[in-house]
Protein backbone atom coordinates (compact mmCIF):
# COMPACT_ATOMS: atom_id res chain seq x y z
CA MET A 1 -10.30 208.70 4.87
CA ILE A 2 -10.81 207.45 1.29
CA LEU A 3 -14.07 208.79 -0.08
CA PRO A 4 -16.35 206.65 -2.30
CA SER A 5 -15.88 207.06 -6.04
CA CYS A 6 -17.84 206.55 -9.23
CA ILE A 7 -14.61 205.40 -10.89
CA ASP A 8 -13.15 201.93 -10.49
CA TYR A 9 -9.54 203.04 -10.18
CA SER A 10 -8.22 199.51 -9.61
CA LYS A 11 -9.65 198.50 -12.97
CA GLU A 12 -8.22 201.49 -14.84
CA LEU A 13 -4.74 201.62 -13.26
CA ASN A 14 -1.95 199.23 -12.38
CA THR A 15 -0.69 198.93 -8.80
CA ARG A 16 2.06 201.58 -9.10
CA GLN A 17 -0.19 204.04 -10.94
CA LEU A 18 -2.86 203.49 -8.30
CA GLU A 19 -0.37 204.24 -5.54
CA ALA A 20 0.61 207.52 -7.22
CA VAL A 21 -2.99 208.57 -7.85
CA PHE A 22 -4.03 207.99 -4.23
CA HIS A 23 -0.98 209.78 -2.79
CA LYS A 24 -2.34 212.99 -1.29
CA ASP A 25 -0.03 215.07 0.90
CA GLY A 26 3.72 215.61 0.79
CA PRO A 27 6.25 215.50 -2.05
CA LEU A 28 5.93 212.70 -4.59
CA LEU A 29 8.36 211.81 -7.36
CA VAL A 30 7.01 209.51 -10.04
CA VAL A 31 9.86 208.07 -12.09
CA ALA A 32 7.90 207.13 -15.19
CA GLY A 33 9.67 204.92 -17.69
CA ALA A 34 8.89 205.31 -21.38
CA GLY A 35 5.38 204.20 -22.30
CA SER A 36 4.40 203.57 -18.68
CA GLY A 37 1.24 205.70 -18.64
CA LYS A 38 2.43 208.88 -16.93
CA THR A 39 -0.20 211.05 -18.65
CA ARG A 40 -2.91 208.66 -17.51
CA THR A 41 -1.52 208.77 -13.97
CA LEU A 42 -1.49 212.58 -13.86
CA THR A 43 -5.02 212.76 -15.25
CA TYR A 44 -6.46 210.32 -12.74
CA ARG A 45 -4.70 212.07 -9.86
CA VAL A 46 -6.40 215.35 -10.81
CA VAL A 47 -9.71 213.49 -10.78
CA ARG A 48 -9.03 211.83 -7.44
CA LEU A 49 -8.03 215.08 -5.73
CA VAL A 50 -11.25 216.74 -6.91
CA GLU A 51 -13.22 213.71 -5.73
CA GLU A 52 -11.67 214.10 -2.28
CA ASN A 53 -13.18 217.59 -2.12
CA ILE A 54 -9.91 219.41 -2.72
CA SER A 55 -10.84 222.79 -4.21
CA PRO A 56 -10.19 222.49 -7.98
CA ALA A 57 -8.92 226.08 -8.00
CA SER A 58 -6.14 225.07 -5.60
CA ILE A 59 -4.79 222.44 -8.02
CA LEU A 60 -2.11 223.50 -10.51
CA LEU A 61 -0.87 221.36 -13.40
CA LEU A 62 2.32 222.61 -15.07
CA THR A 63 3.37 221.16 -18.43
CA PHE A 64 5.72 222.11 -21.26
CA THR A 65 2.96 222.75 -23.79
CA ARG A 66 -0.50 224.21 -23.39
CA LYS A 67 -1.83 221.36 -25.50
CA ALA A 68 -0.59 218.75 -23.01
CA ALA A 69 -2.32 220.49 -20.10
CA ASP A 70 -5.54 220.98 -22.06
CA GLU A 71 -5.66 217.33 -23.08
CA MET A 72 -5.14 216.08 -19.51
CA LEU A 73 -7.75 218.40 -18.03
CA SER A 74 -10.18 217.58 -20.84
CA ARG A 75 -9.80 213.87 -20.07
CA ALA A 76 -10.26 214.60 -16.37
CA ARG A 77 -13.52 216.44 -17.09
CA LEU A 78 -14.81 213.51 -19.14
CA LEU A 79 -13.90 211.09 -16.35
CA LEU A 80 -15.53 213.17 -13.61
CA ASP A 81 -17.45 216.38 -14.24
CA ASN A 82 -17.14 220.11 -14.94
CA ARG A 83 -15.44 220.77 -11.61
CA CYS A 84 -12.19 219.88 -13.38
CA ASP A 85 -12.61 223.02 -15.50
CA GLN A 86 -11.60 225.04 -12.44
CA VAL A 87 -8.20 223.32 -12.21
CA SER A 88 -5.39 225.61 -13.37
CA GLY A 89 -3.17 224.20 -16.09
CA GLY A 90 -0.55 225.53 -18.48
CA THR A 91 3.11 226.17 -19.09
CA PHE A 92 5.68 227.69 -16.76
CA HIS A 93 5.88 230.77 -18.98
CA ALA A 94 2.12 231.29 -19.03
CA PHE A 95 1.90 230.93 -15.25
CA SER A 96 4.81 233.34 -14.76
CA ASN A 97 3.09 235.88 -17.01
CA ILE A 98 -0.08 235.75 -14.87
CA LEU A 99 1.98 236.10 -11.71
CA LEU A 100 3.89 239.12 -13.00
CA ARG A 101 0.75 240.86 -14.29
CA ARG A 102 -0.88 240.45 -10.89
CA TYR A 103 2.11 241.67 -8.89
CA SER A 104 3.80 243.90 -11.48
CA SER A 105 4.66 246.73 -9.09
CA ARG A 106 6.29 244.33 -6.62
CA ALA A 107 8.08 242.46 -9.41
CA GLY A 108 9.71 245.60 -10.77
CA VAL A 109 7.96 245.49 -14.13
CA GLY A 110 5.21 247.72 -15.47
CA PRO A 111 1.69 246.24 -15.68
CA ASP A 112 1.71 246.96 -19.40
CA PHE A 113 4.91 245.07 -20.20
CA THR A 114 5.18 243.51 -23.62
CA ILE A 115 6.42 239.96 -24.18
CA LEU A 116 9.03 239.52 -26.87
CA ASP A 117 8.79 236.31 -28.86
CA ARG A 118 12.00 234.73 -30.13
CA ALA A 119 11.92 236.63 -33.42
CA ASP A 120 11.34 239.93 -31.57
CA SER A 121 14.23 239.17 -29.22
CA GLN A 122 16.57 238.49 -32.10
CA SER A 123 15.45 241.65 -33.84
CA LEU A 124 16.24 243.70 -30.74
CA ILE A 125 19.62 242.02 -30.35
CA ALA A 126 20.37 242.84 -33.99
CA THR A 127 19.45 246.47 -33.39
CA VAL A 128 21.72 246.74 -30.37
CA LYS A 129 24.47 244.96 -32.25
CA LYS A 130 24.18 247.40 -35.15
CA GLU A 131 24.52 250.36 -32.79
CA LEU A 132 27.98 249.16 -31.75
CA GLY A 133 29.15 249.24 -35.36
CA ASP A 134 32.86 248.99 -36.14
CA PRO A 135 34.08 247.11 -33.01
CA LEU A 136 32.23 244.03 -34.24
CA ARG A 137 33.64 243.93 -37.74
CA SER A 138 36.95 242.40 -36.81
CA GLY A 139 37.50 238.88 -35.56
CA THR A 140 35.07 236.01 -35.14
CA PHE A 141 31.67 237.14 -34.00
CA PRO A 142 28.38 235.22 -33.58
CA LYS A 143 25.29 235.88 -35.62
CA THR A 144 22.17 237.24 -33.96
CA GLN A 145 20.46 233.87 -33.53
CA THR A 146 23.56 232.38 -31.91
CA MET A 147 23.84 235.38 -29.60
CA ALA A 148 20.22 234.89 -28.54
CA GLN A 149 21.06 231.28 -27.66
CA ILE A 150 24.07 232.40 -25.61
CA PHE A 151 21.94 234.89 -23.68
CA SER A 152 19.20 232.32 -23.05
CA LYS A 153 21.62 229.68 -21.80
CA SER A 154 23.21 232.24 -19.50
CA VAL A 155 19.83 232.96 -17.90
CA ASN A 156 18.48 229.41 -17.75
CA ARG A 157 21.67 227.89 -16.43
CA LYS A 158 22.37 230.84 -14.11
CA GLU A 159 25.83 231.26 -15.63
CA GLN A 160 27.77 234.33 -16.72
CA ILE A 161 28.07 235.08 -20.43
CA HIS A 162 31.77 234.20 -20.43
CA GLU A 163 31.03 230.85 -18.75
CA VAL A 164 28.55 229.89 -21.48
CA ILE A 165 30.98 230.92 -24.20
CA PHE A 166 33.87 228.98 -22.65
CA SER A 167 31.78 225.79 -22.34
CA ASP A 168 29.59 225.90 -25.46
CA TYR A 169 31.09 228.41 -27.90
CA PRO A 170 34.88 228.43 -27.41
CA HIS A 171 35.42 229.73 -30.95
CA PHE A 172 33.92 233.06 -29.78
CA ILE A 173 36.22 233.52 -26.76
CA SER A 174 37.94 236.46 -28.42
CA SER A 175 34.58 238.26 -28.60
CA ILE A 176 33.49 237.81 -24.97
CA GLU A 177 33.77 241.51 -24.15
CA PRO A 178 31.62 242.88 -27.02
CA ILE A 179 29.09 240.04 -26.58
CA SER A 180 28.79 240.94 -22.89
CA THR A 181 28.38 244.60 -23.85
CA ILE A 182 25.57 243.74 -26.25
CA TYR A 183 23.88 241.68 -23.54
CA ARG A 184 24.01 244.56 -21.06
CA LYS A 185 22.60 246.99 -23.62
CA TYR A 186 19.95 244.45 -24.63
CA CYS A 187 18.81 244.11 -21.01
CA ALA A 188 18.88 247.88 -20.49
CA HIS A 189 16.75 248.44 -23.58
CA LYS A 190 14.19 245.88 -22.40
CA SER A 191 14.00 247.46 -18.99
CA ALA A 192 13.63 251.00 -20.35
CA HIS A 193 10.83 250.01 -22.73
CA HIS A 194 8.93 247.52 -20.51
CA LEU A 195 9.87 244.49 -22.55
CA LEU A 196 10.26 240.93 -21.29
CA ASP A 197 11.54 237.99 -23.30
CA PHE A 198 10.66 234.37 -22.48
CA ASP A 199 13.59 233.97 -20.12
CA ASP A 200 12.66 237.19 -18.30
CA LEU A 201 9.24 235.78 -17.47
CA LEU A 202 10.83 232.97 -15.49
CA THR A 203 13.57 235.11 -13.98
CA TYR A 204 11.25 237.85 -12.70
CA ALA A 205 8.78 235.26 -11.38
CA ARG A 206 11.55 233.57 -9.41
CA LEU A 207 12.79 236.89 -8.03
CA LEU A 208 9.24 237.89 -7.08
CA LEU A 209 8.79 234.72 -5.02
CA GLU A 210 12.30 234.95 -3.60
CA ASP A 211 12.26 238.61 -2.56
CA HIS A 212 8.69 238.89 -1.26
CA PRO A 213 7.81 236.37 1.49
CA ASP A 214 4.20 237.58 1.69
CA ILE A 215 3.59 236.92 -2.01
CA ARG A 216 5.40 233.60 -1.77
CA GLU A 217 3.12 232.51 1.09
CA ARG A 218 0.03 233.76 -0.71
CA ILE A 219 0.81 231.85 -3.90
CA SER A 220 1.78 228.71 -2.00
CA ASN A 221 -1.51 228.77 -0.07
CA ALA A 222 -3.49 229.46 -3.24
CA TYR A 223 -2.09 226.37 -4.99
CA ARG A 224 -2.12 223.63 -2.40
CA TYR A 225 -1.51 220.78 -4.86
CA ILE A 226 1.02 221.23 -7.65
CA MET A 227 1.78 218.66 -10.36
CA VAL A 228 4.60 218.94 -12.89
CA ASP A 229 4.98 216.93 -16.09
CA GLU A 230 8.34 216.12 -17.74
CA TYR A 231 10.26 217.23 -14.67
CA GLN A 232 13.56 216.03 -16.16
CA ASP A 233 13.27 218.84 -18.71
CA THR A 234 12.95 221.70 -16.21
CA ASN A 235 15.75 224.22 -15.97
CA THR A 236 17.29 225.57 -12.78
CA ILE A 237 15.00 228.63 -12.62
CA GLN A 238 11.85 226.54 -13.02
CA ALA A 239 12.98 224.23 -10.22
CA ASP A 240 13.59 227.28 -8.00
CA ILE A 241 10.09 228.60 -8.75
CA LEU A 242 8.52 225.28 -7.76
CA TYR A 243 10.53 225.10 -4.55
CA ARG A 244 9.29 228.52 -3.46
CA MET A 245 5.70 227.86 -4.51
CA THR A 246 5.51 224.86 -2.20
CA CYS A 247 6.90 226.59 0.89
CA ALA A 248 3.59 226.33 2.78
CA HIS A 249 2.80 222.68 2.13
CA GLN A 250 5.33 220.68 0.03
CA ASN A 251 2.43 219.07 -1.84
CA ILE A 252 4.21 218.65 -5.14
CA MET A 253 4.03 215.73 -7.54
CA ALA A 254 6.83 215.65 -10.11
CA VAL A 255 6.56 213.18 -12.96
CA GLY A 256 9.54 212.49 -15.19
CA ASP A 257 12.24 210.09 -16.28
CA ASP A 258 15.93 210.80 -15.84
CA SER A 259 16.61 208.53 -18.83
CA GLN A 260 14.56 210.76 -21.14
CA SER A 261 16.31 214.06 -20.50
CA ILE A 262 17.09 215.29 -24.04
CA TYR A 263 16.74 219.07 -23.82
CA ALA A 264 20.03 220.10 -22.23
CA PHE A 265 20.70 222.21 -25.33
CA ARG A 266 17.74 224.36 -24.26
CA GLY A 267 18.97 224.75 -20.70
CA ALA A 268 17.24 221.74 -19.10
CA ASN A 269 19.06 220.42 -16.03
CA TYR A 270 18.63 216.68 -15.46
CA ARG A 271 20.03 217.13 -11.94
CA ASN A 272 16.69 218.64 -10.95
CA ILE A 273 15.05 215.23 -10.99
CA MET A 274 18.07 213.53 -9.40
CA GLU A 275 18.15 216.03 -6.53
CA PHE A 276 14.39 216.21 -6.01
CA PRO A 277 14.42 214.02 -2.84
CA GLN A 278 17.14 216.21 -1.30
CA LYS A 279 15.27 219.41 -2.11
CA PHE A 280 11.91 218.10 -0.91
CA HIS A 281 12.38 216.15 2.30
CA LYS A 282 10.41 212.96 2.93
CA THR A 283 9.81 212.49 -0.79
CA VAL A 284 7.92 209.33 -1.73
CA ILE A 285 9.36 207.76 -4.89
CA ILE A 286 7.15 205.60 -7.10
CA ARG A 287 8.51 203.90 -10.19
CA LEU A 288 6.27 203.22 -13.18
CA GLU A 289 8.01 200.35 -14.95
CA GLU A 290 5.28 198.53 -16.85
CA ASN A 291 5.48 199.49 -20.52
CA TYR A 292 2.33 199.49 -22.65
CA ARG A 293 3.93 200.15 -26.05
CA SER A 294 6.83 197.79 -26.66
CA LEU A 295 7.68 194.10 -26.53
CA GLN A 296 10.12 192.63 -24.01
CA PRO A 297 13.13 192.14 -26.33
CA ILE A 298 13.08 195.87 -27.08
CA LEU A 299 12.73 196.68 -23.39
CA ASN A 300 15.64 194.37 -22.57
CA LEU A 301 17.84 196.41 -24.90
CA THR A 302 16.51 199.63 -23.38
CA ASN A 303 17.22 198.38 -19.86
CA ALA A 304 20.77 197.45 -20.84
CA ILE A 305 21.40 200.94 -22.22
CA ILE A 306 19.90 202.60 -19.13
CA ASP A 307 22.00 200.40 -16.83
CA SER A 308 25.17 201.87 -18.34
CA SER A 309 24.31 205.32 -16.98
CA LYS A 310 26.17 206.32 -13.83
CA HIS A 311 23.60 208.80 -12.52
CA ARG A 312 20.12 207.32 -12.64
CA TYR A 313 17.16 205.97 -10.75
CA GLN A 314 17.11 202.19 -10.63
CA LYS A 315 14.29 200.83 -12.80
CA SER A 316 13.62 197.89 -15.08
CA LEU A 317 10.99 198.21 -17.79
CA PHE A 318 8.77 195.21 -18.49
CA THR A 319 5.62 194.40 -20.41
CA ARG A 320 2.87 191.82 -20.31
CA LYS A 321 2.83 191.66 -24.11
CA LYS A 322 4.17 188.44 -25.57
CA GLY A 323 6.48 187.81 -28.50
CA GLY A 324 8.84 190.05 -30.35
CA SER A 325 12.22 189.51 -31.95
CA ILE A 326 15.60 190.68 -30.74
CA PRO A 327 16.51 194.16 -32.08
CA SER A 328 19.12 194.12 -34.85
CA LEU A 329 22.16 196.34 -35.30
CA ILE A 330 23.11 196.63 -38.97
CA SER A 331 26.33 198.29 -40.15
CA THR A 332 26.74 199.52 -43.72
CA GLU A 333 29.68 201.00 -45.59
CA THR A 334 27.93 204.12 -46.88
CA GLU A 335 24.91 206.25 -46.10
CA ASN A 336 23.29 205.23 -49.37
CA ASP A 337 23.80 201.52 -48.57
CA GLN A 338 22.02 202.18 -45.30
CA SER A 339 19.13 203.93 -47.04
CA ARG A 340 18.71 201.17 -49.62
CA PHE A 341 18.75 198.51 -46.90
CA VAL A 342 16.08 200.33 -44.88
CA VAL A 343 13.84 200.82 -47.93
CA LYS A 344 14.29 197.16 -48.89
CA LYS A 345 13.13 196.03 -45.43
CA ILE A 346 10.18 198.44 -45.50
CA ILE A 347 9.02 197.07 -48.85
CA GLU A 348 9.56 193.51 -47.61
CA TYR A 349 7.45 194.05 -44.48
CA HIS A 350 4.78 195.86 -46.47
CA ARG A 351 4.47 192.94 -48.88
CA GLN A 352 4.05 190.68 -45.85
CA GLY A 353 0.99 192.70 -44.87
CA VAL A 354 2.41 195.27 -42.45
CA PRO A 355 0.78 198.69 -43.13
CA LEU A 356 3.25 201.48 -43.84
CA GLY A 357 1.56 203.53 -41.12
CA GLN A 358 2.73 200.97 -38.56
CA MET A 359 6.38 201.46 -39.53
CA ALA A 360 8.64 204.37 -38.61
CA VAL A 361 12.21 205.48 -39.27
CA LEU A 362 13.79 207.66 -36.58
CA PHE A 363 16.84 209.89 -36.90
CA ARG A 364 18.68 212.42 -34.76
CA ALA A 365 18.40 215.46 -37.04
CA SER A 366 16.01 216.22 -39.86
CA PHE A 367 18.67 216.36 -42.59
CA HIS A 368 19.90 212.85 -41.69
CA SER A 369 16.94 211.40 -43.58
CA PHE A 370 17.62 213.20 -46.85
CA ASP A 371 19.32 210.27 -48.60
CA LEU A 372 16.61 207.94 -47.33
CA GLU A 373 13.92 210.21 -48.74
CA ILE A 374 15.58 210.03 -52.14
CA GLU A 375 15.41 206.22 -52.05
CA LEU A 376 11.80 206.26 -50.85
CA ASN A 377 10.90 208.55 -53.73
CA SER A 378 12.76 206.28 -56.13
CA GLU A 379 10.84 203.21 -54.92
CA ARG A 380 7.58 205.16 -54.74
CA VAL A 381 7.09 204.56 -51.03
CA PRO A 382 4.74 207.25 -49.61
CA PHE A 383 5.78 208.83 -46.33
CA ILE A 384 5.04 211.55 -43.82
CA LYS A 385 7.89 213.45 -42.21
CA VAL A 386 7.50 214.69 -38.64
CA GLY A 387 9.79 217.02 -36.73
CA GLY A 388 12.73 219.20 -37.57
CA PHE A 389 12.79 221.82 -40.28
CA GLN A 390 11.80 220.84 -43.79
CA LEU A 391 15.07 220.91 -45.69
CA ALA A 392 13.64 222.42 -48.88
CA GLU A 393 12.22 225.26 -46.77
CA SER A 394 15.53 226.07 -45.09
CA ALA A 395 16.95 229.49 -45.94
CA HIS A 396 20.26 228.20 -47.31
CA ILE A 397 18.56 225.61 -49.53
CA LYS A 398 16.19 228.29 -50.80
CA ASP A 399 19.19 230.51 -51.55
CA PHE A 400 20.89 227.71 -53.47
CA LEU A 401 17.78 226.82 -55.46
CA ALA A 402 17.01 230.46 -56.27
CA HIS A 403 20.16 230.67 -58.42
CA LEU A 404 18.93 227.69 -60.43
CA LYS A 405 15.39 229.02 -60.65
CA VAL A 406 16.35 232.31 -62.31
CA MET A 407 18.15 230.31 -64.98
CA ALA A 408 15.09 228.15 -65.54
CA ASN A 409 12.76 231.16 -65.44
CA PRO A 410 14.31 234.66 -65.73
CA ASN A 411 10.91 236.15 -64.79
CA ASP A 412 10.99 234.59 -61.31
CA ARG A 413 10.86 237.82 -59.29
CA ILE A 414 11.02 236.14 -55.88
CA SER A 415 14.19 234.21 -56.76
CA TRP A 416 15.87 237.30 -58.23
CA PHE A 417 15.18 239.27 -55.08
CA ARG A 418 16.50 236.42 -52.97
CA ILE A 419 19.86 236.07 -54.72
CA LEU A 420 20.40 239.82 -55.17
CA MET A 421 19.68 240.68 -51.53
CA LEU A 422 22.32 238.20 -50.41
CA LEU A 423 24.88 240.70 -51.69
CA GLU A 424 26.33 243.63 -49.77
CA LYS A 425 24.84 247.06 -50.55
CA ILE A 426 21.92 245.51 -52.45
CA GLY A 427 18.62 246.15 -50.68
CA SER A 428 15.05 245.57 -51.80
CA LYS A 429 14.94 248.88 -53.70
CA ASN A 430 18.05 248.08 -55.73
CA ALA A 431 16.92 244.51 -56.32
CA GLY A 432 13.60 245.83 -57.58
CA SER A 433 15.30 248.19 -60.05
CA ILE A 434 17.53 245.42 -61.41
CA PHE A 435 14.62 243.02 -61.82
CA THR A 436 12.52 245.68 -63.55
CA ARG A 437 15.26 246.21 -66.13
CA ILE A 438 15.57 242.45 -66.72
CA SER A 439 11.81 242.10 -67.01
CA GLU A 440 11.19 245.10 -69.25
CA THR A 441 13.98 244.22 -71.70
CA LYS A 442 13.16 240.50 -71.56
CA SER A 443 16.91 239.97 -71.61
CA GLY A 444 17.09 237.30 -68.91
CA ILE A 445 20.43 236.11 -67.57
CA ALA A 446 22.33 237.53 -70.54
CA GLY A 447 20.84 240.96 -69.95
CA PHE A 448 21.80 240.85 -66.28
CA VAL A 449 25.37 239.90 -67.11
CA GLU A 450 25.72 242.81 -69.56
CA MET A 451 23.84 245.30 -67.38
CA SER A 452 25.67 248.56 -66.63
CA LEU A 453 25.42 249.86 -63.08
CA SER A 454 27.13 252.52 -61.00
CA PRO A 455 30.55 251.50 -59.58
CA LYS A 456 28.99 251.33 -56.10
CA TYR A 457 26.82 248.37 -57.11
CA SER A 458 28.94 246.87 -59.90
CA LYS A 459 31.52 245.62 -57.42
CA ALA A 460 28.88 243.86 -55.31
CA LEU A 461 27.27 242.24 -58.37
CA HIS A 462 30.50 241.23 -60.12
CA PRO A 463 30.86 237.72 -58.54
CA LEU A 464 27.25 236.85 -59.41
CA LYS A 465 27.72 238.03 -62.99
CA GLU A 466 30.89 235.96 -63.27
CA LEU A 467 29.03 232.90 -62.01
CA PHE A 468 26.35 233.20 -64.68
CA LYS A 469 29.00 233.86 -67.35
CA LYS A 470 30.85 230.72 -66.35
CA ILE A 471 27.72 228.58 -66.42
CA ALA A 472 26.66 229.97 -69.80
CA GLY A 473 30.12 229.59 -71.32
CA GLU A 474 30.76 226.01 -70.26
CA PRO A 475 28.15 223.45 -71.37
CA SER A 476 27.94 221.17 -68.37
CA SER A 477 25.81 218.67 -66.52
CA LEU A 478 23.19 219.70 -63.98
CA VAL A 479 25.42 218.56 -61.13
CA THR A 480 28.38 220.59 -62.42
CA MET A 481 26.11 223.62 -62.60
CA GLY A 482 25.07 222.98 -59.02
CA GLU A 483 28.70 222.67 -57.92
CA MET A 484 29.52 226.03 -59.51
CA ILE A 485 26.66 227.66 -57.62
CA MET A 486 27.71 226.00 -54.37
CA ASN A 487 31.31 227.22 -54.76
CA TYR A 488 29.99 230.74 -55.35
CA TYR A 489 27.55 230.54 -52.43
CA LEU A 490 29.88 229.05 -49.78
CA PRO A 491 31.52 232.39 -48.81
CA ILE A 492 28.05 233.88 -48.38
CA LEU A 493 27.00 230.87 -46.31
CA GLU A 494 30.06 231.16 -44.07
CA LYS A 495 29.40 234.84 -43.51
CA ASN A 496 25.72 234.46 -42.67
CA TYR A 497 25.64 231.28 -40.55
CA ASP A 498 27.74 230.13 -37.62
CA ASP A 499 26.72 226.53 -38.35
CA HIS A 500 27.78 226.77 -41.99
CA PRO A 501 29.50 223.32 -42.03
CA ARG A 502 26.17 221.60 -41.33
CA ARG A 503 24.35 223.72 -43.90
CA ALA A 504 27.04 223.07 -46.51
CA LYS A 505 26.57 219.36 -45.98
CA GLU A 506 22.86 219.76 -46.60
CA ILE A 507 23.56 221.51 -49.90
CA GLU A 508 25.84 218.59 -50.80
CA HIS A 509 22.86 216.31 -50.22
CA VAL A 510 20.89 218.38 -52.72
CA LEU A 511 23.74 218.01 -55.20
CA SER A 512 23.58 214.23 -54.85
CA PHE A 513 19.85 214.44 -55.48
CA MET A 514 20.49 216.41 -58.68
CA GLU A 515 22.45 213.49 -60.14
CA ARG A 516 19.15 211.72 -60.78
CA TYR A 517 17.79 214.38 -63.14
CA PRO A 518 18.47 214.80 -66.87
CA ASP A 519 17.94 218.56 -66.97
CA LEU A 520 17.32 221.67 -64.91
CA GLU A 521 13.62 221.94 -65.65
CA ALA A 522 12.86 218.43 -64.40
CA PHE A 523 14.81 219.07 -61.20
CA ILE A 524 13.20 222.45 -60.49
CA THR A 525 9.73 221.01 -61.15
CA ASP A 526 10.25 218.10 -58.77
CA MET A 527 11.69 220.31 -56.06
CA ALA A 528 8.58 222.48 -56.28
CA LEU A 529 5.95 219.74 -56.47
CA GLU A 530 7.50 216.82 -54.60
CA PRO A 531 10.71 217.76 -52.82
CA PRO A 532 12.38 214.75 -51.18
CA ASN A 533 11.56 216.03 -47.72
CA THR A 534 7.97 217.06 -48.29
CA SER A 535 5.78 216.58 -45.26
CA SER A 536 3.34 214.43 -47.22
CA GLY A 537 5.76 212.33 -49.23
CA ASP A 538 4.86 210.94 -52.64
CA ARG A 539 1.12 211.39 -52.32
CA LEU A 540 0.69 211.22 -56.10
CA TYR A 541 1.52 207.52 -55.98
CA LEU A 542 -1.55 206.77 -53.87
CA PRO A 543 -5.29 207.36 -54.34
CA LYS A 544 -6.43 210.48 -52.51
CA GLU A 545 -8.35 208.50 -49.93
CA ALA A 546 -5.34 206.38 -48.99
CA GLU A 547 -3.65 207.30 -45.70
CA ASP A 548 -1.15 204.45 -45.36
CA ARG A 549 2.23 206.18 -45.28
CA LEU A 550 5.57 205.46 -43.70
CA ILE A 551 6.46 207.74 -40.78
CA LEU A 552 9.79 209.56 -40.74
CA SER A 553 10.52 211.41 -37.53
CA THR A 554 13.26 213.00 -35.48
CA VAL A 555 13.83 211.30 -32.14
CA HIS A 556 12.75 214.48 -30.35
CA SER A 557 9.41 214.53 -32.17
CA ALA A 558 8.83 210.83 -31.56
CA LYS A 559 9.31 211.20 -27.80
CA GLY A 560 6.01 210.65 -26.07
CA LEU A 561 4.09 209.56 -29.15
């Protein structure tokens, strides 16, 4: 029986959305194309379930960010009333934490367990790695961050360490045994000290539900209606947790789009959404295909790309919006030609009356926009950059710039510490002593080059001294100076980062940027005040109250906006 409502659902939702919102019992898969209103559909379904006198406390909304859940439940409360405050909502990790705290003794963890964040996990891995000592010094061996990624993929994909290395990190095959040893010691240390990392939260929650039928039944009966957002981005463990949580009722609504699965590098398994109907029998599939963001020519291109996929749900995106031109594919000979073309079109559209804030440039990785940012700066086009790491804030770029900064200002303590502590046997104490001598004698670079130190430290400092001697002895352009520093820094880069080829390319981008400056001081000043990848762009070119800025974004950050 459909109960009366204070909301005119037929006015607020299209036919497919309405069908999903009024679905009550049994498994439901909503294949939601891009821009088809999936968030709206989830929100209204929460409202409708509460209206049908389903206990709000028995409704669970799982999302990939707390913010997403909060926003949906906040909208639901505004649409209906405060009963929606009793609906449970949050991330898989947060829910797993609650579950493990409640049943800690049955889960095999102490009630006082501590959660390790990613930095804590890496720190612990580094500690374990250090304990092994000499066996790791020979051959190719991953850095701590890379090792943490290997461990995480092993857990999330339910694969052995050697399987992950063979498939994703073949250049570390020779180190499989010590990596596996570190993993075992890492896990043993966590267990002995009541520590759980993010992956452990999911793993222990799955095991709890798998090994204890009474708890599984209790949880399944407590949450009679479960909704999951972005189902295509779930990993294997999360899918297992959901399967066990619905053992008493199968009332699960999964919303996602197989064509938008872009987090495989984090362990997401797109097969979860493809195999949903097999896992949950009698699944009802509803396709949301009406797009509310784009024009039909763009959707036609999107549909053509989607159609080329072998493993997919059949869907065809459409819109009721009229107009729109056919998307263009432009090929250029060089990256700079591409950047200049894009900037030219942006300026052209802006002069025609299109606000900068209504234009966006998307790219795969943050550093791909570096050359474009240089051109935008050159043409004084203000922009905001979204997503990815800010290049000027990256450790390797900071390292590179620090060598230039101490030449521009020998009293720059932070930069001295940074370049000195890159060297073997030089810790913060030694760096402090060296800087104090430079500062007290006011001798600058020349004083550092002539500084006498014990043989133990002289050997470590020799390459850096030779670099500064070479720069001082050969009058050269700013770019040549930068090239000398890069040549000196590359061995350090290769030692410290497994992805050193990518980072080296980013330093090369900085070198190309340096070509535009007449001297070191001008370059250092601009990098400090208005680096080419600043999050707020060239704000000095606009009045303070102006907010019209071009949007630069990674594809990952643009998803869902």
